[in-house]
Protein backbone atom coordinates (compact mmCIF):
# COMPACT_ATOMS: atom_id res chain seq x y z
CA MET A 1 20.82 -6.26 -8.41
CA SER A 2 19.23 -5.39 -11.83
CA GLU A 3 16.57 -2.93 -12.57
CA MET A 4 13.60 -3.15 -15.16
CA GLU A 5 10.75 -0.79 -15.79
CA VAL A 6 7.64 -2.29 -17.20
CA VAL A 7 4.31 -0.14 -17.78
CA GLY A 8 5.78 2.73 -15.77
CA ILE A 9 6.61 0.69 -12.78
CA LYS A 10 10.07 0.35 -11.62
CA GLU A 11 10.98 -3.22 -10.65
CA VAL A 12 13.89 -4.27 -8.86
CA THR A 13 15.21 -7.74 -8.91
CA ALA A 14 17.62 -9.59 -6.57
CA GLU A 15 19.18 -13.12 -6.59
CA LYS A 16 18.18 -14.17 -2.96
CA SER A 17 15.30 -16.40 -2.64
CA THR A 18 14.63 -15.49 0.99
CA GLU A 19 13.77 -11.96 0.18
CA LYS A 20 10.26 -10.44 0.68
CA ARG A 21 8.64 -9.10 -2.26
CA LEU A 22 6.82 -5.67 -1.69
CA ILE A 23 4.47 -3.22 -3.70
CA THR A 24 5.52 0.19 -2.67
CA PHE A 25 3.48 3.20 -3.01
CA LYS A 26 3.11 6.83 -1.45
CA LEU A 27 0.64 8.18 0.81
CA ASN A 28 1.47 12.03 1.07
CA ASP A 29 5.21 12.00 1.25
CA GLU A 30 5.48 8.63 3.09
CA LEU A 31 7.11 5.44 1.21
CA ILE A 32 4.60 2.52 2.39
CA GLY A 33 5.37 -1.21 1.46
CA ILE A 34 2.69 -4.17 1.34
CA ASP A 35 3.34 -7.76 0.58
CA ILE A 36 2.89 -8.69 -2.92
CA ILE A 37 1.30 -11.76 -1.85
CA ASN A 38 -1.82 -9.84 -0.66
CA VAL A 39 -1.90 -7.85 -4.07
CA VAL A 40 -4.64 -8.87 -6.91
CA LYS A 41 -4.50 -5.93 -9.02
CA ILE A 42 -3.25 -2.48 -9.45
CA THR A 43 -5.81 -0.13 -11.36
CA ILE A 44 -5.79 3.51 -12.37
CA ASP A 45 -8.88 5.82 -13.08
CA MET A 46 -11.72 3.30 -12.21
CA ASP A 47 -15.19 4.48 -11.77
CA ILE A 48 -16.20 4.43 -8.03
CA THR A 49 -19.89 4.40 -7.14
CA PRO A 50 -20.54 6.29 -3.80
CA VAL A 51 -22.47 4.25 -1.22
CA PRO A 52 -24.60 6.17 1.25
CA LYS A 53 -24.37 5.47 5.07
CA THR A 54 -20.88 3.83 5.18
CA LYS A 55 -17.85 4.73 7.28
CA ASP A 56 -15.97 7.85 5.93
CA TYR A 57 -13.10 5.84 4.85
CA ILE A 58 -15.00 3.89 2.33
CA LEU A 59 -15.02 5.99 -0.99
CA GLY A 60 -17.68 3.28 -2.46
CA VAL A 61 -17.26 0.47 -4.83
CA MET A 62 -15.79 -0.31 -7.95
CA ASN A 63 -16.61 -2.87 -10.87
CA LEU A 64 -13.71 -5.01 -11.53
CA ARG A 65 -14.24 -7.75 -14.01
CA GLY A 66 -17.76 -8.11 -12.74
CA ASN A 67 -16.93 -8.21 -9.07
CA ILE A 68 -18.08 -5.49 -6.91
CA ILE A 69 -14.95 -4.28 -4.78
CA PRO A 70 -15.28 -1.68 -1.84
CA VAL A 71 -12.89 1.16 -2.34
CA VAL A 72 -11.07 2.48 0.89
CA THR A 73 -9.18 5.89 1.21
CA LEU A 74 -6.11 4.39 2.94
CA LYS A 75 -5.08 7.92 4.58
CA ARG A 76 -8.49 8.03 6.22
CA LYS A 77 -8.39 4.50 7.34
CA LEU A 78 -4.99 4.89 9.05
CA GLU A 79 -6.04 8.52 10.35
CA LEU A 80 -3.16 10.02 8.33
CA PRO A 81 -3.79 13.82 7.15
CA GLU A 82 -4.67 14.34 3.62
CA THR A 83 -2.10 16.90 2.36
CA TYR A 84 -1.65 15.66 -1.07
CA THR A 85 -4.43 15.12 -3.70
CA PRO A 86 -3.28 12.97 -6.46
CA THR A 87 -4.71 14.06 -10.04
CA ARG A 88 -5.65 10.21 -10.86
CA ASN A 89 -7.27 7.35 -8.77
CA THR A 90 -4.63 4.97 -8.39
CA ILE A 91 -6.13 1.91 -6.49
CA ILE A 92 -4.39 -1.56 -5.25
CA VAL A 93 -6.94 -4.10 -4.92
CA VAL A 94 -5.84 -6.48 -1.98
CA GLU A 95 -7.01 -9.83 -0.87
CA THR A 96 -8.27 -9.56 3.01
CA ASP A 97 -10.32 -11.87 5.20
CA PHE A 98 -13.48 -10.11 3.98
CA GLY A 99 -12.52 -10.77 0.21
CA ASN A 100 -11.09 -7.95 -2.25
CA ILE A 101 -10.71 -4.29 -1.15
CA GLY A 102 -9.30 -1.58 -3.11
CA LEU A 103 -7.05 0.81 -1.53
CA LEU A 104 -6.76 4.39 -3.01
CA VAL A 105 -3.10 5.41 -2.68
CA ASP A 106 -1.41 8.45 -4.11
CA LYS A 107 0.91 6.92 -6.49
CA VAL A 108 2.55 3.40 -6.92
CA GLU A 109 6.31 3.53 -6.81
CA GLY A 110 6.99 -0.11 -7.82
CA ALA A 111 7.97 -3.67 -6.75
CA LEU A 112 10.83 -4.19 -4.34
CA ASN A 113 12.65 -7.15 -2.73
CA VAL A 114 13.95 -6.69 0.74
CA ASP A 115 15.74 -8.94 3.01
CA PRO A 116 13.76 -9.96 5.98
CA GLU A 117 16.73 -9.56 8.22
CA ASN A 118 16.83 -5.80 7.49
CA VAL A 119 13.18 -5.21 8.53
CA GLN A 120 13.26 -3.37 11.90
CA PRO A 121 10.24 -3.42 14.34
CA PRO A 122 7.84 -0.52 14.00
CA PRO A 123 8.94 2.65 15.96
CA MET A 124 6.21 4.20 18.04
CA ASN A 125 3.70 6.36 16.11
CA SER A 126 5.81 6.05 12.72
CA ILE A 127 4.30 8.53 10.46
CA GLY A 128 1.26 8.65 12.55
CA ILE A 129 0.34 4.96 11.79
CA ASP A 130 -0.88 2.88 14.80
CA PRO A 131 2.24 0.60 15.13
CA GLU A 132 -0.50 -2.38 15.26
CA PHE A 133 -1.00 -2.09 11.65
CA ILE A 134 2.89 -1.84 10.88
CA GLU A 135 4.77 -5.11 10.07
CA GLY A 136 8.00 -3.26 10.13
CA VAL A 137 10.11 -0.41 8.56
CA ILE A 138 13.26 -0.63 6.55
CA MET A 139 15.81 2.25 5.88
CA PHE A 140 16.77 2.07 1.96
CA PRO A 141 18.99 4.21 -0.08
CA LYS A 142 17.59 6.64 -2.34
CA GLU A 143 19.25 7.88 -5.72
CA ASN A 144 20.84 10.70 -4.15
CA GLU A 145 22.53 8.86 -1.55
CA ASP A 146 20.15 9.87 1.20
CA LYS A 147 18.15 7.12 3.09
CA GLU A 148 14.34 6.69 2.98
CA LEU A 149 12.10 5.13 5.51
CA LEU A 150 9.89 2.37 4.09
CA THR A 151 6.78 1.69 6.19
CA ILE A 152 5.53 -2.02 5.66
CA LEU A 153 1.81 -2.45 6.30
CA ASN A 154 0.19 -5.44 7.41
CA ILE A 155 -3.05 -5.81 5.34
CA LYS A 156 -4.60 -8.49 7.37
CA LYS A 157 -4.37 -6.69 10.64
CA ILE A 158 -5.83 -3.49 9.05
CA PHE A 159 -8.88 -5.21 7.78
CA LYS A 160 -9.65 -7.52 10.56
CA ALA A 161 -13.28 -7.70 12.06
CA ASP A 162 -12.49 -5.44 14.92
CA ASN A 163 -10.90 -2.72 12.88
CA LEU A 164 -13.83 -2.06 10.31
């Protein structure tokens, strides 16, 4: 396995073509991943215009290349505590059945390849996220030989009609 760092995002590459590619990010102290197939763009410090009378998890909208995109606070959408407030707005724009949606996250960690055989079913109430929204979890080694839990979210289930 080789590593490469581009634009401050660490990328880990592997030789297997059956591996699943994820974008990983932090919500509070938890490591979260989403399938890179759903990711359109990652932006930092975009202007967000508030929209009145929307759900509390909708921060507002942003203009991305002439397209108006709603921005969601992923912590509020998943009903997680807001124990960490980032100094910069990091937004991952994802493709959903409703069009593109921006997800406000604490920090993008990078891209990661995982072997689907290593993905375990979601444990009950993993880090406080409804198991319906979790595709699976995987334990992977950190630099200091500890292991870290990576929770893989299913964006399509989070943003389906009966969850909005």
